[in-house]
Amino acid sequence: MDRIAQIKAFLENSPGDSFLKHALALEYIKQQNDAAAKDIFEELLAAEPGYVGSYYHLGKLLERNGEHFAAIATYEKGMLVAKEARDMHAYSELQAAFEDLTD
């Protein structure tokens, strides 16, 4: 069974598990299926906006696909969430990605 099938099987038992959704989106990225990854990241962040790690990966995906304004907005939202959570490591990663894109 491939990793995507394994994660989907786990999600059948825990459909609201943000960690599993994040992992599934990353597996789709590895397979160059950005559309599926984007859908999952967006669904995850709509349900759990505090899941900080997904903002960075969604922003990078949007950058790769030429959606620079959406990437900037994603990084900005992620920075706000990271700051509220006092996750300064995530904040600095998001800020660096934001600055790379806006410089």
PDB file of N, CA and C in Angstrom:
ATOM      1  N   MET A   1       0.856  -1.181   0.000  1.00  0.00           N
ATOM      2  CA  MET A   1       0.000   0.000   0.000  1.00  0.00           C
ATOM      3  C   MET A   1       0.899   1.241   0.000  1.00  0.00           C
ATOM      4  N   ASP A   2       0.630   2.163  -0.905  1.00  0.00           N
ATOM      5  CA  ASP A   2       1.444   3.389  -0.955  1.00  0.00           C
ATOM      6  C   ASP A   2       1.062   4.332   0.190  1.00  0.00           C
ATOM      7  N   ARG A   3       1.904   5.339   0.392  1.00  0.00           N
ATOM      8  CA  ARG A   3       1.722   6.243   1.531  1.00  0.00           C
ATOM      9  C   ARG A   3       0.391   6.998   1.471  1.00  0.00           C
ATOM     10  N   ILE A   4      -0.010   7.414   0.279  1.00  0.00           N
ATOM     11  CA  ILE A   4      -1.278   8.136   0.161  1.00  0.00           C
ATOM     12  C   ILE A   4      -2.435   7.235   0.578  1.00  0.00           C
ATOM     13  N   ALA A   5      -2.419   5.998   0.123  1.00  0.00           N
ATOM     14  CA  ALA A   5      -3.481   5.055   0.498  1.00  0.00           C
ATOM     15  C   ALA A   5      -3.463   4.794   2.000  1.00  0.00           C
ATOM     16  N   GLN A   6      -2.277   4.689   2.595  1.00  0.00           N
ATOM     17  CA  GLN A   6      -2.169   4.470   4.042  1.00  0.00           C
ATOM     18  C   GLN A   6      -2.767   5.643   4.810  1.00  0.00           C
ATOM     19  N   ILE A   7      -2.399   6.853   4.408  1.00  0.00           N
ATOM     20  CA  ILE A   7      -2.900   8.034   5.117  1.00  0.00           C
ATOM     21  C   ILE A   7      -4.412   8.147   4.952  1.00  0.00           C
ATOM     22  N   LYS A   8      -4.911   7.874   3.756  1.00  0.00           N
ATOM     23  CA  LYS A   8      -6.358   7.917   3.540  1.00  0.00           C
ATOM     24  C   LYS A   8      -7.078   6.892   4.415  1.00  0.00           C
ATOM     25  N   ALA A   9      -6.465   5.722   4.593  1.00  0.00           N
ATOM     26  CA  ALA A   9      -7.062   4.701   5.461  1.00  0.00           C
ATOM     27  C   ALA A   9      -7.108   5.199   6.908  1.00  0.00           C
ATOM     28  N   PHE A  10      -6.041   5.836   7.362  1.00  0.00           N
ATOM     29  CA  PHE A  10      -6.037   6.410   8.713  1.00  0.00           C
ATOM     30  C   PHE A  10      -7.102   7.496   8.841  1.00  0.00           C
ATOM     31  N   LEU A  11      -7.259   8.300   7.781  1.00  0.00           N
ATOM     32  CA  LEU A  11      -8.250   9.381   7.815  1.00  0.00           C
ATOM     33  C   LEU A  11      -9.684   8.859   7.872  1.00  0.00           C
ATOM     34  N   GLU A  12      -9.912   7.656   7.368  1.00  0.00           N
ATOM     35  CA  GLU A  12     -11.260   7.078   7.474  1.00  0.00           C
ATOM     36  C   GLU A  12     -11.649   6.901   8.934  1.00  0.00           C
ATOM     37  N   ASN A  13     -10.663   6.570   9.770  1.00  0.00           N
ATOM     38  CA  ASN A  13     -10.922   6.380  11.202  1.00  0.00           C
ATOM     39  C   ASN A  13     -10.857   7.686  11.986  1.00  0.00           C
ATOM     40  N   SER A  14     -10.126   8.661  11.458  1.00  0.00           N
ATOM     41  CA  SER A  14      -9.958   9.960  12.135  1.00  0.00           C
ATOM     42  C   SER A  14     -10.087  11.085  11.119  1.00  0.00           C
ATOM     43  N   PRO A  15     -11.293  11.317  10.596  1.00  0.00           N
ATOM     44  CA  PRO A  15     -11.460  12.278   9.499  1.00  0.00           C
ATOM     45  C   PRO A  15     -11.105  13.721   9.844  1.00  0.00           C
ATOM     46  N   GLY A  16     -11.078  14.064  11.109  1.00  0.00           N
ATOM     47  CA  GLY A  16     -10.757  15.438  11.494  1.00  0.00           C
ATOM     48  C   GLY A  16      -9.312  15.625  11.907  1.00  0.00           C
ATOM     49  N   ASP A  17      -8.469  14.645  11.695  1.00  0.00           N
ATOM     50  CA  ASP A  17      -7.075  14.697  12.146  1.00  0.00           C
ATOM     51  C   ASP A  17      -6.253  15.621  11.244  1.00  0.00           C
ATOM     52  N   SER A  18      -5.914  16.780  11.753  1.00  0.00           N
ATOM     53  CA  SER A  18      -5.175  17.772  10.961  1.00  0.00           C
ATOM     54  C   SER A  18      -3.775  17.302  10.599  1.00  0.00           C
ATOM     55  N   PHE A  19      -3.129  16.576  11.493  1.00  0.00           N
ATOM     56  CA  PHE A  19      -1.794  16.055  11.198  1.00  0.00           C
ATOM     57  C   PHE A  19      -1.847  15.132   9.985  1.00  0.00           C
ATOM     58  N   LEU A  20      -2.838  14.248   9.946  1.00  0.00           N
ATOM     59  CA  LEU A  20      -2.968  13.335   8.812  1.00  0.00           C
ATOM     60  C   LEU A  20      -3.290  14.087   7.521  1.00  0.00           C
ATOM     61  N   LYS A  21      -4.140  15.086   7.604  1.00  0.00           N
ATOM     62  CA  LYS A  21      -4.463  15.885   6.410  1.00  0.00           C
ATOM     63  C   LYS A  21      -3.219  16.604   5.900  1.00  0.00           C
ATOM     64  N   HIS A  22      -2.442  17.170   6.817  1.00  0.00           N
ATOM     65  CA  HIS A  22      -1.205  17.854   6.442  1.00  0.00           C
ATOM     66  C   HIS A  22      -0.250  16.867   5.773  1.00  0.00           C
ATOM     67  N   ALA A  23      -0.108  15.691   6.358  1.00  0.00           N
ATOM     68  CA  ALA A  23       0.768  14.662   5.788  1.00  0.00           C
ATOM     69  C   ALA A  23       0.290  14.234   4.404  1.00  0.00           C
ATOM     70  N   LEU A  24      -1.009  14.110   4.225  1.00  0.00           N
ATOM     71  CA  LEU A  24      -1.557  13.730   2.924  1.00  0.00           C
ATOM     72  C   LEU A  24      -1.250  14.797   1.876  1.00  0.00           C
ATOM     73  N   ALA A  25      -1.422  16.050   2.244  1.00  0.00           N
ATOM     74  CA  ALA A  25      -1.117  17.140   1.310  1.00  0.00           C
ATOM     75  C   ALA A  25       0.360  17.114   0.916  1.00  0.00           C
ATOM     76  N   LEU A  26       1.242  16.863   1.869  1.00  0.00           N
ATOM     77  CA  LEU A  26       2.673  16.786   1.556  1.00  0.00           C
ATOM     78  C   LEU A  26       2.980  15.615   0.623  1.00  0.00           C
ATOM     79  N   GLU A  27       2.290  14.507   0.800  1.00  0.00           N
ATOM     80  CA  GLU A  27       2.483  13.366  -0.110  1.00  0.00           C
ATOM     81  C   GLU A  27       2.026  13.716  -1.519  1.00  0.00           C
ATOM     82  N   TYR A  28       0.921  14.438  -1.629  1.00  0.00           N
ATOM     83  CA  TYR A  28       0.464  14.869  -2.960  1.00  0.00           C
ATOM     84  C   TYR A  28       1.491  15.796  -3.611  1.00  0.00           C
ATOM     85  N   ILE A  29       2.114  16.658  -2.819  1.00  0.00           N
ATOM     86  CA  ILE A  29       3.158  17.532  -3.360  1.00  0.00           C
ATOM     87  C   ILE A  29       4.314  16.690  -3.899  1.00  0.00           C
ATOM     88  N   LYS A  30       4.711  15.667  -3.149  1.00  0.00           N
ATOM     89  CA  LYS A  30       5.798  14.791  -3.602  1.00  0.00           C
ATOM     90  C   LYS A  30       5.471  14.146  -4.948  1.00  0.00           C
ATOM     91  N   GLN A  31       4.192  13.896  -5.180  1.00  0.00           N
ATOM     92  CA  GLN A  31       3.759  13.296  -6.444  1.00  0.00           C
ATOM     93  C   GLN A  31       3.408  14.351  -7.493  1.00  0.00           C
ATOM     94  N   GLN A  32       3.727  15.595  -7.197  1.00  0.00           N
ATOM     95  CA  GLN A  32       3.485  16.730  -8.087  1.00  0.00           C
ATOM     96  C   GLN A  32       2.006  16.910  -8.412  1.00  0.00           C
ATOM     97  N   ASN A  33       1.170  16.599  -7.444  1.00  0.00           N
ATOM     98  CA  ASN A  33      -0.266  16.816  -7.581  1.00  0.00           C
ATOM     99  C   ASN A  33      -0.637  18.015  -6.708  1.00  0.00           C
ATOM    100  N   ASP A  34      -0.239  19.205  -7.194  1.00  0.00           N
ATOM    101  CA  ASP A  34      -0.450  20.423  -6.424  1.00  0.00           C
ATOM    102  C   ASP A  34      -1.927  20.745  -6.226  1.00  0.00           C
ATOM    103  N   ALA A  35      -2.764  20.387  -7.189  1.00  0.00           N
ATOM    104  CA  ALA A  35      -4.192  20.695  -7.067  1.00  0.00           C
ATOM    105  C   ALA A  35      -4.797  19.958  -5.876  1.00  0.00           C
ATOM    106  N   ALA A  36      -4.481  18.677  -5.738  1.00  0.00           N
ATOM    107  CA  ALA A  36      -5.012  17.907  -4.607  1.00  0.00           C
ATOM    108  C   ALA A  36      -4.434  18.430  -3.294  1.00  0.00           C
ATOM    109  N   ALA A  37      -3.141  18.740  -3.284  1.00  0.00           N
ATOM    110  CA  ALA A  37      -2.505  19.259  -2.073  1.00  0.00           C
ATOM    111  C   ALA A  37      -3.135  20.584  -1.662  1.00  0.00           C
ATOM    112  N   LYS A  38      -3.356  21.452  -2.629  1.00  0.00           N
ATOM    113  CA  LYS A  38      -3.957  22.759  -2.337  1.00  0.00           C
ATOM    114  C   LYS A  38      -5.340  22.595  -1.719  1.00  0.00           C
ATOM    115  N   ASP A  39      -6.141  21.712  -2.298  1.00  0.00           N
ATOM    116  CA  ASP A  39      -7.485  21.480  -1.756  1.00  0.00           C
ATOM    117  C   ASP A  39      -7.430  21.020  -0.299  1.00  0.00           C
ATOM    118  N   ILE A  40      -6.499  20.119  -0.011  1.00  0.00           N
ATOM    119  CA  ILE A  40      -6.399  19.588   1.342  1.00  0.00           C
ATOM    120  C   ILE A  40      -5.909  20.654   2.310  1.00  0.00           C
ATOM    121  N   PHE A  41      -4.868  21.408   1.923  1.00  0.00           N
ATOM    122  CA  PHE A  41      -4.393  22.480   2.793  1.00  0.00           C
ATOM    123  C   PHE A  41      -5.505  23.490   3.076  1.00  0.00           C
ATOM    124  N   GLU A  42      -6.242  23.874   2.047  1.00  0.00           N
ATOM    125  CA  GLU A  42      -7.315  24.852   2.236  1.00  0.00           C
ATOM    126  C   GLU A  42      -8.415  24.311   3.132  1.00  0.00           C
ATOM    127  N   GLU A  43      -8.772  23.046   2.951  1.00  0.00           N
ATOM    128  CA  GLU A  43      -9.783  22.407   3.801  1.00  0.00           C
ATOM    129  C   GLU A  43      -9.290  22.343   5.248  1.00  0.00           C
ATOM    130  N   LEU A  44      -8.040  21.960   5.427  1.00  0.00           N
ATOM    131  CA  LEU A  44      -7.453  21.864   6.761  1.00  0.00           C
ATOM    132  C   LEU A  44      -7.474  23.225   7.455  1.00  0.00           C
ATOM    133  N   LEU A  45      -7.020  24.264   6.759  1.00  0.00           N
ATOM    134  CA  LEU A  45      -6.939  25.587   7.381  1.00  0.00           C
ATOM    135  C   LEU A  45      -8.313  26.212   7.612  1.00  0.00           C
ATOM    136  N   ALA A  46      -9.293  25.833   6.802  1.00  0.00           N
ATOM    137  CA  ALA A  46     -10.655  26.314   7.041  1.00  0.00           C
ATOM    138  C   ALA A  46     -11.214  25.699   8.326  1.00  0.00           C
ATOM    139  N   ALA A  47     -10.886  24.430   8.551  1.00  0.00           N
ATOM    140  CA  ALA A  47     -11.382  23.731   9.738  1.00  0.00           C
ATOM    141  C   ALA A  47     -10.554  24.045  10.982  1.00  0.00           C
ATOM    142  N   GLU A  48      -9.251  24.216  10.793  1.00  0.00           N
ATOM    143  CA  GLU A  48      -8.357  24.484  11.924  1.00  0.00           C
ATOM    144  C   GLU A  48      -7.347  25.569  11.547  1.00  0.00           C
ATOM    145  N   PRO A  49      -7.764  26.830  11.600  1.00  0.00           N
ATOM    146  CA  PRO A  49      -6.890  27.925  11.184  1.00  0.00           C
ATOM    147  C   PRO A  49      -5.618  28.056  12.016  1.00  0.00           C
ATOM    148  N   GLY A  50      -5.565  27.418  13.157  1.00  0.00           N
ATOM    149  CA  GLY A  50      -4.382  27.483  14.002  1.00  0.00           C
ATOM    150  C   GLY A  50      -3.305  26.467  13.655  1.00  0.00           C
ATOM    151  N   TYR A  51      -3.509  25.679  12.611  1.00  0.00           N
ATOM    152  CA  TYR A  51      -2.514  24.672  12.224  1.00  0.00           C
ATOM    153  C   TYR A  51      -1.413  25.370  11.425  1.00  0.00           C
ATOM    154  N   VAL A  52      -0.481  25.946  12.148  1.00  0.00           N
ATOM    155  CA  VAL A  52       0.493  26.897  11.606  1.00  0.00           C
ATOM    156  C   VAL A  52       1.333  26.334  10.461  1.00  0.00           C
ATOM    157  N   GLY A  53       1.785  25.092  10.567  1.00  0.00           N
ATOM    158  CA  GLY A  53       2.702  24.534   9.580  1.00  0.00           C
ATOM    159  C   GLY A  53       2.161  24.497   8.165  1.00  0.00           C
ATOM    160  N   SER A  54       0.867  24.448   8.019  1.00  0.00           N
ATOM    161  CA  SER A  54       0.285  24.345   6.681  1.00  0.00           C
ATOM    162  C   SER A  54       0.354  25.653   5.897  1.00  0.00           C
ATOM    163  N   TYR A  55       0.447  26.777   6.591  1.00  0.00           N
ATOM    164  CA  TYR A  55       0.514  28.062   5.878  1.00  0.00           C
ATOM    165  C   TYR A  55       1.777  28.148   5.020  1.00  0.00           C
ATOM    166  N   TYR A  56       2.884  27.727   5.563  1.00  0.00           N
ATOM    167  CA  TYR A  56       4.152  27.783   4.821  1.00  0.00           C
ATOM    168  C   TYR A  56       4.076  26.915   3.563  1.00  0.00           C
ATOM    169  N   HIS A  57       3.635  25.677   3.727  1.00  0.00           N
ATOM    170  CA  HIS A  57       3.604  24.758   2.592  1.00  0.00           C
ATOM    171  C   HIS A  57       2.574  25.186   1.544  1.00  0.00           C
ATOM    172  N   LEU A  58       1.442  25.692   1.990  1.00  0.00           N
ATOM    173  CA  LEU A  58       0.451  26.202   1.035  1.00  0.00           C
ATOM    174  C   LEU A  58       1.007  27.422   0.311  1.00  0.00           C
ATOM    175  N   GLY A  59       1.662  28.302   1.030  1.00  0.00           N
ATOM    176  CA  GLY A  59       2.251  29.483   0.397  1.00  0.00           C
ATOM    177  C   GLY A  59       3.272  29.107  -0.664  1.00  0.00           C
ATOM    178  N   LYS A  60       4.138  28.152  -0.356  1.00  0.00           N
ATOM    179  CA  LYS A  60       5.146  27.705  -1.326  1.00  0.00           C
ATOM    180  C   LYS A  60       4.486  27.083  -2.549  1.00  0.00           C
ATOM    181  N   LEU A  61       3.434  26.300  -2.331  1.00  0.00           N
ATOM    182  CA  LEU A  61       2.694  25.700  -3.440  1.00  0.00           C
ATOM    183  C   LEU A  61       2.110  26.793  -4.330  1.00  0.00           C
ATOM    184  N   LEU A  62       1.511  27.796  -3.720  1.00  0.00           N
ATOM    185  CA  LEU A  62       0.923  28.893  -4.489  1.00  0.00           C
ATOM    186  C   LEU A  62       2.000  29.649  -5.263  1.00  0.00           C
ATOM    187  N   GLU A  63       3.147  29.870  -4.639  1.00  0.00           N
ATOM    188  CA  GLU A  63       4.272  30.520  -5.337  1.00  0.00           C
ATOM    189  C   GLU A  63       4.666  29.731  -6.574  1.00  0.00           C
ATOM    190  N   ARG A  64       4.846  28.417  -6.405  1.00  0.00           N
ATOM    191  CA  ARG A  64       5.255  27.563  -7.530  1.00  0.00           C
ATOM    192  C   ARG A  64       4.293  27.648  -8.703  1.00  0.00           C
ATOM    193  N   ASN A  65       3.031  27.878  -8.375  1.00  0.00           N
ATOM    194  CA  ASN A  65       2.004  27.916  -9.411  1.00  0.00           C
ATOM    195  C   ASN A  65       1.699  29.337  -9.892  1.00  0.00           C
ATOM    196  N   GLY A  66       2.565  30.288  -9.527  1.00  0.00           N
ATOM    197  CA  GLY A  66       2.423  31.653 -10.016  1.00  0.00           C
ATOM    198  C   GLY A  66       1.331  32.459  -9.344  1.00  0.00           C
ATOM    199  N   GLU A  67       0.795  31.979  -8.250  1.00  0.00           N
ATOM    200  CA  GLU A  67      -0.272  32.687  -7.533  1.00  0.00           C
ATOM    201  C   GLU A  67       0.362  33.521  -6.417  1.00  0.00           C
ATOM    202  N   HIS A  68       1.127  34.529  -6.818  1.00  0.00           N
ATOM    203  CA  HIS A  68       1.929  35.294  -5.867  1.00  0.00           C
ATOM    204  C   HIS A  68       1.092  36.073  -4.863  1.00  0.00           C
ATOM    205  N   PHE A  69       0.004  36.682  -5.297  1.00  0.00           N
ATOM    206  CA  PHE A  69      -0.824  37.444  -4.357  1.00  0.00           C
ATOM    207  C   PHE A  69      -1.457  36.521  -3.322  1.00  0.00           C
ATOM    208  N   ALA A  70      -1.897  35.351  -3.761  1.00  0.00           N
ATOM    209  CA  ALA A  70      -2.469  34.383  -2.822  1.00  0.00           C
ATOM    210  C   ALA A  70      -1.400  33.864  -1.869  1.00  0.00           C
ATOM    211  N   ALA A  71      -0.191  33.676  -2.367  1.00  0.00           N
ATOM    212  CA  ALA A  71       0.917  33.227  -1.507  1.00  0.00           C
ATOM    213  C   ALA A  71       1.226  34.283  -0.450  1.00  0.00           C
ATOM    214  N   ILE A  72       1.276  35.526  -0.859  1.00  0.00           N
ATOM    215  CA  ILE A  72       1.542  36.622   0.085  1.00  0.00           C
ATOM    216  C   ILE A  72       0.467  36.649   1.168  1.00  0.00           C
ATOM    217  N   ALA A  73      -0.791  36.545   0.764  1.00  0.00           N
ATOM    218  CA  ALA A  73      -1.890  36.555   1.730  1.00  0.00           C
ATOM    219  C   ALA A  73      -1.794  35.366   2.686  1.00  0.00           C
ATOM    220  N   THR A  74      -1.375  34.221   2.162  1.00  0.00           N
ATOM    221  CA  THR A  74      -1.227  33.021   2.983  1.00  0.00           C
ATOM    222  C   THR A  74      -0.110  33.204   3.997  1.00  0.00           C
ATOM    223  N   TYR A  75       1.019  33.751   3.558  1.00  0.00           N
ATOM    224  CA  TYR A  75       2.121  34.008   4.486  1.00  0.00           C
ATOM    225  C   TYR A  75       1.707  35.022   5.557  1.00  0.00           C
ATOM    226  N   GLU A  76       0.996  36.073   5.153  1.00  0.00           N
ATOM    227  CA  GLU A  76       0.556  37.085   6.118  1.00  0.00           C
ATOM    228  C   GLU A  76      -0.371  36.474   7.164  1.00  0.00           C
ATOM    229  N   LYS A  77      -1.330  35.683   6.723  1.00  0.00           N
ATOM    230  CA  LYS A  77      -2.253  35.030   7.654  1.00  0.00           C
ATOM    231  C   LYS A  77      -1.478  34.084   8.570  1.00  0.00           C
ATOM    232  N   GLY A  78      -0.555  33.327   8.005  1.00  0.00           N
ATOM    233  CA  GLY A  78       0.249  32.406   8.799  1.00  0.00           C
ATOM    234  C   GLY A  78       1.083  33.127   9.844  1.00  0.00           C
ATOM    235  N   MET A  79       1.645  34.280   9.466  1.00  0.00           N
ATOM    236  CA  MET A  79       2.429  35.052  10.439  1.00  0.00           C
ATOM    237  C   MET A  79       1.555  35.509  11.601  1.00  0.00           C
ATOM    238  N   LEU A  80       0.341  35.947  11.306  1.00  0.00           N
ATOM    239  CA  LEU A  80      -0.577  36.364  12.376  1.00  0.00           C
ATOM    240  C   LEU A  80      -0.900  35.203  13.311  1.00  0.00           C
ATOM    241  N   VAL A  81      -1.190  34.065  12.723  1.00  0.00           N
ATOM    242  CA  VAL A  81      -1.540  32.890  13.521  1.00  0.00           C
ATOM    243  C   VAL A  81      -0.336  32.436  14.351  1.00  0.00           C
ATOM    244  N   ALA A  82       0.838  32.425  13.728  1.00  0.00           N
ATOM    245  CA  ALA A  82       2.053  32.008  14.446  1.00  0.00           C
ATOM    246  C   ALA A  82       2.362  32.957  15.601  1.00  0.00           C
ATOM    247  N   LYS A  83       2.176  34.248  15.351  1.00  0.00           N
ATOM    248  CA  LYS A  83       2.431  35.241  16.398  1.00  0.00           C
ATOM    249  C   LYS A  83       1.469  35.046  17.566  1.00  0.00           C
ATOM    250  N   GLU A  84       0.186  34.826  17.247  1.00  0.00           N
ATOM    251  CA  GLU A  84      -0.810  34.590  18.294  1.00  0.00           C
ATOM    252  C   GLU A  84      -0.479  33.338  19.107  1.00  0.00           C
ATOM    253  N   ALA A  85       0.064  32.330  18.426  1.00  0.00           N
ATOM    254  CA  ALA A  85       0.415  31.073  19.094  1.00  0.00           C
ATOM    255  C   ALA A  85       1.789  31.143  19.762  1.00  0.00           C
ATOM    256  N   ARG A  86       2.464  32.272  19.566  1.00  0.00           N
ATOM    257  CA  ARG A  86       3.823  32.465  20.093  1.00  0.00           C
ATOM    258  C   ARG A  86       4.793  31.408  19.564  1.00  0.00           C
ATOM    259  N   ASP A  87       4.555  31.036  18.307  1.00  0.00           N
ATOM    260  CA  ASP A  87       5.434  30.081  17.622  1.00  0.00           C
ATOM    261  C   ASP A  87       6.397  30.900  16.763  1.00  0.00           C
ATOM    262  N   MET A  88       7.456  31.358  17.384  1.00  0.00           N
ATOM    263  CA  MET A  88       8.362  32.280  16.708  1.00  0.00           C
ATOM    264  C   MET A  88       9.191  31.586  15.620  1.00  0.00           C
ATOM    265  N   HIS A  89       9.406  30.298  15.754  1.00  0.00           N
ATOM    266  CA  HIS A  89      10.120  29.568  14.699  1.00  0.00           C
ATOM    267  C   HIS A  89       9.295  29.588  13.411  1.00  0.00           C
ATOM    268  N   ALA A  90       8.024  29.220  13.526  1.00  0.00           N
ATOM    269  CA  ALA A  90       7.142  29.244  12.351  1.00  0.00           C
ATOM    270  C   ALA A  90       6.996  30.669  11.825  1.00  0.00           C
ATOM    271  N   TYR A  91       6.870  31.625  12.741  1.00  0.00           N
ATOM    272  CA  TYR A  91       6.745  33.022  12.333  1.00  0.00           C
ATOM    273  C   TYR A  91       7.945  33.445  11.489  1.00  0.00           C
ATOM    274  N   SER A  92       9.149  33.103  11.931  1.00  0.00           N
ATOM    275  CA  SER A  92      10.347  33.533  11.190  1.00  0.00           C
ATOM    276  C   SER A  92      10.444  32.850   9.837  1.00  0.00           C
ATOM    277  N   GLU A  93      10.020  31.583   9.743  1.00  0.00           N
ATOM    278  CA  GLU A  93      10.023  30.905   8.443  1.00  0.00           C
ATOM    279  C   GLU A  93       9.030  31.558   7.487  1.00  0.00           C
ATOM    280  N   LEU A  94       7.850  31.853   7.986  1.00  0.00           N
ATOM    281  CA  LEU A  94       6.834  32.511   7.170  1.00  0.00           C
ATOM    282  C   LEU A  94       7.281  33.921   6.758  1.00  0.00           C
ATOM    283  N   GLN A  95       7.876  34.626   7.681  1.00  0.00           N
ATOM    284  CA  GLN A  95       8.359  35.975   7.386  1.00  0.00           C
ATOM    285  C   GLN A  95       9.441  35.935   6.315  1.00  0.00           C
ATOM    286  N   ALA A  96      10.363  34.986   6.404  1.00  0.00           N
ATOM    287  CA  ALA A  96      11.429  34.870   5.407  1.00  0.00           C
ATOM    288  C   ALA A  96      10.847  34.570   4.031  1.00  0.00           C
ATOM    289  N   ALA A  97       9.862  33.665   3.972  1.00  0.00           N
ATOM    290  CA  ALA A  97       9.223  33.335   2.694  1.00  0.00           C
ATOM    291  C   ALA A  97       8.489  34.551   2.135  1.00  0.00           C
ATOM    292  N   PHE A  98       7.793  35.275   3.031  1.00  0.00           N
ATOM    293  CA  PHE A  98       7.084  36.485   2.648  1.00  0.00           C
ATOM    294  C   PHE A  98       8.051  37.526   2.081  1.00  0.00           C
ATOM    295  N   GLU A  99       9.154  37.746   2.788  1.00  0.00           N
ATOM    296  CA  GLU A  99      10.133  38.747   2.343  1.00  0.00           C
ATOM    297  C   GLU A  99      10.810  38.351   1.039  1.00  0.00           C
ATOM    298  N   ASP A 100      11.097  37.069   0.863  1.00  0.00           N
ATOM    299  CA  ASP A 100      11.683  36.600  -0.401  1.00  0.00           C
ATOM    300  C   ASP A 100      10.749  36.898  -1.572  1.00  0.00           C
ATOM    301  N   LEU A 101       9.472  36.756  -1.333  1.00  0.00           N
ATOM    302  CA  LEU A 101       8.489  36.949  -2.397  1.00  0.00           C
ATOM    303  C   LEU A 101       8.213  38.434  -2.659  1.00  0.00           C
ATOM    304  N   THR A 102       8.295  39.259  -1.630  1.00  0.00           N
ATOM    305  CA  THR A 102       7.918  40.662  -1.790  1.00  0.00           C
ATOM    306  C   THR A 102       9.090  41.592  -2.046  1.00  0.00           C
ATOM    307  N   ASP A 103      10.315  41.099  -1.946  1.00  0.00           N
ATOM    308  CA  ASP A 103      11.482  41.948  -2.219  1.00  0.00           C
ATOM    309  C   ASP A 103      11.722  42.126  -3.692  1.00  0.00           C
TER     310      ASP A 103
END
